[in-house]
C-alpha cells in the first residue's frame, strides 16, 4: 500500500502531482512506482532546475543579455548553434498552442512531454555551444535563448506544480507569469540580479530507503 502523504512529504507535493499527471490516464489505473517518482524528481533537479542554475551562474550576465536581446547579431555564432537556437525558438513559440488542446482533453502526459522536449533542447544548446567559453554577445545570445526556454516552460508547467514553478520563476526574477508571456521575447523585464551562487530551487535527494 502506497502512503501518498509520505510520498508527498519526502519527494515534494509538486513532484508527486507532476508524476501522477505524467503517468496516469483517465481510462485506467496508475501503476505506481516509487522508483519512477524518484526519477521524476531527479529530472526536475538535473534537467529543469539545473538549466536555470547554469544560466544564473556568476560568470554570465542575464540582465544584460535580456536587455540587449532585440539587437542580437546571430550571425556571430557558428551555423550549427544558429540552427539550434532557431529550432528552440520555434518550439518555445508553439509550446502553448500544442499544450492547450491536450490539457482540454486531459492528455496531461503528452502536454508534460512537450515541456520536457523543450527543456531537453535548451540543455543540448548549452552543452554543445559552451557559453562559458565565449564572451560578450555570443555568450549573451546562448544564455538568453536557454533562459527564455526555461522561463516559458516554468510558466506553462504551473498547473502541475504551482509552488515549485514559482521557485523556478523567482530564481530567474520573473514576475510576469501569465500565458500571454509564454512566447520567446515576450518579457524583457526579468533577470535582474539573478547571476549569483546558490539559491537552488530544488535540491537533490537520495531515494527513500524502503
C-alpha atoms as a PDB file:
ATOM      1  CA  UNK A   1       0.000   0.000   0.000  1.00  0.00           C
ATOM      2  CA  UNK A   2       1.355   3.399  -1.006  1.00  0.00           C
ATOM      3  CA  UNK A   3       1.099   6.213   1.521  1.00  0.00           C
ATOM      4  CA  UNK A   4       0.508   9.378  -0.574  1.00  0.00           C
ATOM      5  CA  UNK A   5       1.182  11.668   2.387  1.00  0.00           C
ATOM      6  CA  UNK A   6       4.578  10.071   2.942  1.00  0.00           C
ATOM      7  CA  UNK A   7       5.402  10.307  -0.780  1.00  0.00           C
ATOM      8  CA  UNK A   8       4.433  13.979  -0.882  1.00  0.00           C
ATOM      9  CA  UNK A   9       6.375  14.836   2.262  1.00  0.00           C
ATOM     10  CA  UNK A  10       9.566  13.094   1.150  1.00  0.00           C
ATOM     11  CA  UNK A  11       9.643  13.798  -2.594  1.00  0.00           C
ATOM     12  CA  UNK A  12       7.694  17.109  -2.529  1.00  0.00           C
ATOM     13  CA  UNK A  13       3.991  17.580  -3.164  1.00  0.00           C
ATOM     14  CA  UNK A  14       4.513  19.255  -6.538  1.00  0.00           C
ATOM     15  CA  UNK A  15       6.835  16.483  -7.706  1.00  0.00           C
ATOM     16  CA  UNK A  16       4.177  13.914  -6.811  1.00  0.00           C
ATOM     17  CA  UNK A  17       1.495  15.943  -8.604  1.00  0.00           C
ATOM     18  CA  UNK A  18       3.619  16.180 -11.752  1.00  0.00           C
ATOM     19  CA  UNK A  19       4.427  12.474 -11.601  1.00  0.00           C
ATOM     20  CA  UNK A  20       0.758  11.497 -11.338  1.00  0.00           C
ATOM     21  CA  UNK A  21      -0.247  13.764 -14.213  1.00  0.00           C
ATOM     22  CA  UNK A  22       2.590  12.435 -16.350  1.00  0.00           C
ATOM     23  CA  UNK A  23       1.985   8.754 -15.638  1.00  0.00           C
ATOM     24  CA  UNK A  24      -1.798   8.500 -15.406  1.00  0.00           C
ATOM     25  CA  UNK A  25      -4.650   8.246 -17.886  1.00  0.00           C
ATOM     26  CA  UNK A  26      -8.357   8.539 -17.161  1.00  0.00           C
ATOM     27  CA  UNK A  27      -9.198   5.189 -18.715  1.00  0.00           C
ATOM     28  CA  UNK A  28      -7.025   3.013 -16.454  1.00  0.00           C
ATOM     29  CA  UNK A  29      -5.341   2.758 -13.059  1.00  0.00           C
ATOM     30  CA  UNK A  30      -1.870   4.150 -12.444  1.00  0.00           C
ATOM     31  CA  UNK A  31       0.829   1.528 -11.913  1.00  0.00           C
ATOM     32  CA  UNK A  32       2.640   3.497  -9.191  1.00  0.00           C
ATOM     33  CA  UNK A  33       6.386   3.079  -8.770  1.00  0.00           C
ATOM     34  CA  UNK A  34       8.423   4.943  -6.168  1.00  0.00           C
ATOM     35  CA  UNK A  35      11.477   4.476  -8.369  1.00  0.00           C
ATOM     36  CA  UNK A  36       9.693   6.340 -11.170  1.00  0.00           C
ATOM     37  CA  UNK A  37       8.639   9.067  -8.742  1.00  0.00           C
ATOM     38  CA  UNK A  38      12.275   9.472  -7.690  1.00  0.00           C
ATOM     39  CA  UNK A  39      13.229   9.612 -11.372  1.00  0.00           C
ATOM     40  CA  UNK A  40      10.755  12.462 -11.916  1.00  0.00           C
ATOM     41  CA  UNK A  41      12.299  14.436  -9.074  1.00  0.00           C
ATOM     42  CA  UNK A  42      15.778  13.758 -10.441  1.00  0.00           C
ATOM     43  CA  UNK A  43      14.754  15.070 -13.862  1.00  0.00           C
ATOM     44  CA  UNK A  44      13.405  18.225 -12.259  1.00  0.00           C
ATOM     45  CA  UNK A  45      16.654  18.832 -10.394  1.00  0.00           C
ATOM     46  CA  UNK A  46      19.160  17.656 -13.011  1.00  0.00           C
ATOM     47  CA  UNK A  47      17.480  18.902 -16.195  1.00  0.00           C
ATOM     48  CA  UNK A  48      14.948  21.647 -15.417  1.00  0.00           C
ATOM     49  CA  UNK A  49      16.367  23.198 -12.258  1.00  0.00           C
ATOM     50  CA  UNK A  50      19.975  22.763 -13.325  1.00  0.00           C
ATOM     51  CA  UNK A  51      19.290  24.545 -16.633  1.00  0.00           C
ATOM     52  CA  UNK A  52      18.153  27.584 -14.641  1.00  0.00           C
ATOM     53  CA  UNK A  53      21.066  27.410 -12.203  1.00  0.00           C
ATOM     54  CA  UNK A  54      23.592  27.136 -15.045  1.00  0.00           C
ATOM     55  CA  UNK A  55      22.181  30.218 -16.762  1.00  0.00           C
ATOM     56  CA  UNK A  56      22.176  32.063 -13.427  1.00  0.00           C
ATOM     57  CA  UNK A  57      25.859  31.380 -12.760  1.00  0.00           C
ATOM     58  CA  UNK A  58      28.092  34.285 -11.743  1.00  0.00           C
ATOM     59  CA  UNK A  59      30.079  34.037 -14.994  1.00  0.00           C
ATOM     60  CA  UNK A  60      27.093  35.231 -17.054  1.00  0.00           C
ATOM     61  CA  UNK A  61      25.093  38.450 -17.163  1.00  0.00           C
ATOM     62  CA  UNK A  62      21.462  37.546 -17.786  1.00  0.00           C
ATOM     63  CA  UNK A  63      20.139  41.068 -17.326  1.00  0.00           C
ATOM     64  CA  UNK A  64      22.495  42.410 -19.983  1.00  0.00           C
ATOM     65  CA  UNK A  65      21.595  39.568 -22.323  1.00  0.00           C
ATOM     66  CA  UNK A  66      17.845  40.112 -21.930  1.00  0.00           C
ATOM     67  CA  UNK A  67      18.006  43.893 -22.353  1.00  0.00           C
ATOM     68  CA  UNK A  68      20.150  43.627 -25.495  1.00  0.00           C
ATOM     69  CA  UNK A  69      18.275  40.656 -26.998  1.00  0.00           C
ATOM     70  CA  UNK A  70      16.335  42.745 -29.529  1.00  0.00           C
ATOM     71  CA  UNK A  71      19.606  43.817 -31.188  1.00  0.00           C
ATOM     72  CA  UNK A  72      21.429  40.472 -31.278  1.00  0.00           C
ATOM     73  CA  UNK A  73      23.539  39.682 -34.340  1.00  0.00           C
ATOM     74  CA  UNK A  74      23.025  35.920 -34.593  1.00  0.00           C
ATOM     75  CA  UNK A  75      25.493  35.700 -37.479  1.00  0.00           C
ATOM     76  CA  UNK A  76      28.301  35.949 -34.911  1.00  0.00           C
ATOM     77  CA  UNK A  77      27.507  32.358 -33.926  1.00  0.00           C
ATOM     78  CA  UNK A  78      28.512  29.304 -35.931  1.00  0.00           C
ATOM     79  CA  UNK A  79      25.821  27.875 -38.193  1.00  0.00           C
ATOM     80  CA  UNK A  80      25.201  24.837 -36.002  1.00  0.00           C
ATOM     81  CA  UNK A  81      24.451  26.989 -32.955  1.00  0.00           C
ATOM     82  CA  UNK A  82      22.265  29.313 -35.030  1.00  0.00           C
ATOM     83  CA  UNK A  83      20.244  26.291 -36.167  1.00  0.00           C
ATOM     84  CA  UNK A  84      19.848  25.002 -32.600  1.00  0.00           C
ATOM     85  CA  UNK A  85      18.606  28.391 -31.394  1.00  0.00           C
ATOM     86  CA  UNK A  86      16.219  28.761 -34.337  1.00  0.00           C
ATOM     87  CA  UNK A  87      14.697  25.329 -33.672  1.00  0.00           C
ATOM     88  CA  UNK A  88      14.474  26.012 -29.936  1.00  0.00           C
ATOM     89  CA  UNK A  89      12.791  29.383 -30.511  1.00  0.00           C
ATOM     90  CA  UNK A  90      10.260  27.803 -32.873  1.00  0.00           C
ATOM     91  CA  UNK A  91       9.377  25.070 -30.374  1.00  0.00           C
ATOM     92  CA  UNK A  92       9.115  27.545 -27.496  1.00  0.00           C
ATOM     93  CA  UNK A  93       6.732  29.723 -29.508  1.00  0.00           C
ATOM     94  CA  UNK A  94       4.388  26.859 -30.376  1.00  0.00           C
ATOM     95  CA  UNK A  95       4.521  25.201 -26.958  1.00  0.00           C
ATOM     96  CA  UNK A  96       1.351  26.774 -25.560  1.00  0.00           C
ATOM     97  CA  UNK A  97      -0.701  26.153 -28.718  1.00  0.00           C
ATOM     98  CA  UNK A  98       0.358  22.494 -28.694  1.00  0.00           C
ATOM     99  CA  UNK A  99      -0.298  22.003 -24.990  1.00  0.00           C
ATOM    100  CA  UNK A 100      -3.642  23.814 -24.795  1.00  0.00           C
ATOM    101  CA  UNK A 101      -5.820  21.256 -26.652  1.00  0.00           C
ATOM    102  CA  UNK A 102      -4.110  18.404 -24.833  1.00  0.00           C
ATOM    103  CA  UNK A 103      -4.926  19.985 -21.491  1.00  0.00           C
ATOM    104  CA  UNK A 104      -8.544  20.442 -22.572  1.00  0.00           C
ATOM    105  CA  UNK A 105      -8.704  16.724 -23.436  1.00  0.00           C
ATOM    106  CA  UNK A 106      -6.957  15.748 -20.161  1.00  0.00           C
ATOM    107  CA  UNK A 107      -3.958  14.395 -22.096  1.00  0.00           C
ATOM    108  CA  UNK A 108      -1.629  15.680 -19.430  1.00  0.00           C
ATOM    109  CA  UNK A 109       1.147  13.169 -20.076  1.00  0.00           C
ATOM    110  CA  UNK A 110       1.546  14.377 -23.648  1.00  0.00           C
ATOM    111  CA  UNK A 111       1.413  18.032 -22.579  1.00  0.00           C
ATOM    112  CA  UNK A 112       4.146  17.473 -19.994  1.00  0.00           C
ATOM    113  CA  UNK A 113       6.263  15.646 -22.573  1.00  0.00           C
ATOM    114  CA  UNK A 114       6.106  18.762 -24.765  1.00  0.00           C
ATOM    115  CA  UNK A 115       7.698  20.709 -21.910  1.00  0.00           C
ATOM    116  CA  UNK A 116      10.397  18.088 -21.379  1.00  0.00           C
ATOM    117  CA  UNK A 117      11.222  18.200 -25.088  1.00  0.00           C
ATOM    118  CA  UNK A 118      11.900  21.939 -24.926  1.00  0.00           C
ATOM    119  CA  UNK A 119      13.930  21.595 -21.711  1.00  0.00           C
ATOM    120  CA  UNK A 120      15.973  18.887 -23.412  1.00  0.00           C
ATOM    121  CA  UNK A 121      16.628  21.130 -26.404  1.00  0.00           C
ATOM    122  CA  UNK A 122      17.692  24.026 -24.180  1.00  0.00           C
ATOM    123  CA  UNK A 123      20.110  21.813 -22.249  1.00  0.00           C
ATOM    124  CA  UNK A 124      21.521  20.481 -25.520  1.00  0.00           C
ATOM    125  CA  UNK A 125      22.100  24.048 -26.707  1.00  0.00           C
ATOM    126  CA  UNK A 126      24.022  24.955 -23.549  1.00  0.00           C
ATOM    127  CA  UNK A 127      26.069  21.754 -23.556  1.00  0.00           C
ATOM    128  CA  UNK A 128      27.086  21.921 -27.225  1.00  0.00           C
ATOM    129  CA  UNK A 129      27.642  25.681 -27.536  1.00  0.00           C
ATOM    130  CA  UNK A 130      29.615  26.047 -24.260  1.00  0.00           C
ATOM    131  CA  UNK A 131      28.722  29.670 -23.378  1.00  0.00           C
ATOM    132  CA  UNK A 132      31.252  29.608 -20.519  1.00  0.00           C
ATOM    133  CA  UNK A 133      33.969  29.516 -23.197  1.00  0.00           C
ATOM    134  CA  UNK A 134      32.556  32.543 -25.037  1.00  0.00           C
ATOM    135  CA  UNK A 135      32.335  36.233 -24.257  1.00  0.00           C
ATOM    136  CA  UNK A 136      30.155  39.241 -24.985  1.00  0.00           C
ATOM    137  CA  UNK A 137      27.276  38.941 -27.420  1.00  0.00           C
ATOM    138  CA  UNK A 138      27.966  35.319 -28.383  1.00  0.00           C
ATOM    139  CA  UNK A 139      27.649  34.303 -24.736  1.00  0.00           C
ATOM    140  CA  UNK A 140      24.607  36.521 -24.203  1.00  0.00           C
ATOM    141  CA  UNK A 141      22.689  35.024 -27.147  1.00  0.00           C
ATOM    142  CA  UNK A 142      23.108  31.480 -25.862  1.00  0.00           C
ATOM    143  CA  UNK A 143      22.246  32.306 -22.248  1.00  0.00           C
ATOM    144  CA  UNK A 144      19.244  34.380 -23.292  1.00  0.00           C
ATOM    145  CA  UNK A 145      17.919  31.601 -25.537  1.00  0.00           C
ATOM    146  CA  UNK A 146      18.245  28.978 -22.794  1.00  0.00           C
ATOM    147  CA  UNK A 147      16.677  31.287 -20.206  1.00  0.00           C
ATOM    148  CA  UNK A 148      13.719  32.022 -22.465  1.00  0.00           C
ATOM    149  CA  UNK A 149      13.069  28.301 -22.834  1.00  0.00           C
ATOM    150  CA  UNK A 150      13.253  27.839 -19.060  1.00  0.00           C
ATOM    151  CA  UNK A 151      11.033  30.875 -18.434  1.00  0.00           C
ATOM    152  CA  UNK A 152       8.284  29.788 -20.824  1.00  0.00           C
ATOM    153  CA  UNK A 153       8.373  26.185 -19.610  1.00  0.00           C
ATOM    154  CA  UNK A 154       8.146  27.388 -15.994  1.00  0.00           C
ATOM    155  CA  UNK A 155       5.058  29.421 -16.878  1.00  0.00           C
ATOM    156  CA  UNK A 156       3.327  26.569 -18.693  1.00  0.00           C
ATOM    157  CA  UNK A 157       4.104  23.936 -16.066  1.00  0.00           C
ATOM    158  CA  UNK A 158       2.370  25.987 -13.337  1.00  0.00           C
ATOM    159  CA  UNK A 159      -0.882  23.930 -13.373  1.00  0.00           C
ATOM    160  CA  UNK A 160       1.107  20.812 -12.487  1.00  0.00           C
ATOM    161  CA  UNK A 161       3.493  22.226  -9.885  1.00  0.00           C
ATOM    162  CA  UNK A 162       2.371  25.694  -8.768  1.00  0.00           C
ATOM    163  CA  UNK A 163       4.750  26.048  -5.818  1.00  0.00           C
ATOM    164  CA  UNK A 164       7.875  24.676  -7.483  1.00  0.00           C
ATOM    165  CA  UNK A 165       7.282  26.571 -10.723  1.00  0.00           C
ATOM    166  CA  UNK A 166       7.110  29.786  -8.686  1.00  0.00           C
ATOM    167  CA  UNK A 167      10.502  28.935  -7.195  1.00  0.00           C
ATOM    168  CA  UNK A 168      11.870  28.439 -10.701  1.00  0.00           C
ATOM    169  CA  UNK A 169      10.371  31.727 -11.896  1.00  0.00           C
ATOM    170  CA  UNK A 170      11.550  33.587  -8.787  1.00  0.00           C
ATOM    171  CA  UNK A 171      15.096  32.299  -9.314  1.00  0.00           C
ATOM    172  CA  UNK A 172      15.043  33.896 -12.771  1.00  0.00           C
ATOM    173  CA  UNK A 173      13.465  37.081 -11.440  1.00  0.00           C
ATOM    174  CA  UNK A 174      10.280  36.561 -13.477  1.00  0.00           C
ATOM    175  CA  UNK A 175       7.185  38.448 -12.321  1.00  0.00           C
ATOM    176  CA  UNK A 176       5.013  38.181 -15.450  1.00  0.00           C
ATOM    177  CA  UNK A 177       3.656  34.643 -15.230  1.00  0.00           C
ATOM    178  CA  UNK A 178       0.526  34.641 -17.413  1.00  0.00           C
ATOM    179  CA  UNK A 179       0.266  32.550 -20.580  1.00  0.00           C
ATOM    180  CA  UNK A 180       0.325  35.748 -22.640  1.00  0.00           C
ATOM    181  CA  UNK A 181       4.029  35.900 -21.784  1.00  0.00           C
ATOM    182  CA  UNK A 182       4.692  32.307 -22.857  1.00  0.00           C
ATOM    183  CA  UNK A 183       6.452  33.392 -26.041  1.00  0.00           C
ATOM    184  CA  UNK A 184      10.086  33.906 -26.922  1.00  0.00           C
ATOM    185  CA  UNK A 185      10.934  37.545 -26.220  1.00  0.00           C
ATOM    186  CA  UNK A 186       7.575  38.388 -24.630  1.00  0.00           C
ATOM    187  CA  UNK A 187       9.139  39.575 -21.354  1.00  0.00           C
ATOM    188  CA  UNK A 188      12.250  41.731 -21.164  1.00  0.00           C
ATOM    189  CA  UNK A 189      11.796  42.757 -17.528  1.00  0.00           C
ATOM    190  CA  UNK A 190      13.290  39.755 -15.728  1.00  0.00           C
ATOM    191  CA  UNK A 191      16.852  38.719 -14.953  1.00  0.00           C
ATOM    192  CA  UNK A 192      17.869  41.445 -12.527  1.00  0.00           C
ATOM    193  CA  UNK A 193      20.456  40.241 -10.003  1.00  0.00           C
ATOM    194  CA  UNK A 194      19.940  36.561 -10.782  1.00  0.00           C
ATOM    195  CA  UNK A 195      23.572  35.737 -11.563  1.00  0.00           C
ATOM    196  CA  UNK A 196      24.709  34.590  -8.147  1.00  0.00           C
ATOM    197  CA  UNK A 197      25.724  31.363  -6.495  1.00  0.00           C
ATOM    198  CA  UNK A 198      23.383  29.153  -4.524  1.00  0.00           C
ATOM    199  CA  UNK A 199      19.634  29.640  -4.133  1.00  0.00           C
ATOM    200  CA  UNK A 200      18.858  26.267  -5.735  1.00  0.00           C
ATOM    201  CA  UNK A 201      15.064  25.871  -6.265  1.00  0.00           C
ATOM    202  CA  UNK A 202      15.036  22.088  -5.788  1.00  0.00           C
ATOM    203  CA  UNK A 203      17.798  20.180  -4.023  1.00  0.00           C
ATOM    204  CA  UNK A 204      18.946  16.691  -4.938  1.00  0.00           C
ATOM    205  CA  UNK A 205      17.922  13.956  -2.541  1.00  0.00           C
ATOM    206  CA  UNK A 206      18.505  10.225  -2.277  1.00  0.00           C
ATOM    207  CA  UNK A 207      15.759   7.735  -2.901  1.00  0.00           C
ATOM    208  CA  UNK A 208      13.929   6.836   0.269  1.00  0.00           C
ATOM    209  CA  UNK A 209      15.074   3.612   1.905  1.00  0.00           C
ATOM    210  CA  UNK A 210      12.225   1.128   1.724  1.00  0.00           C
END
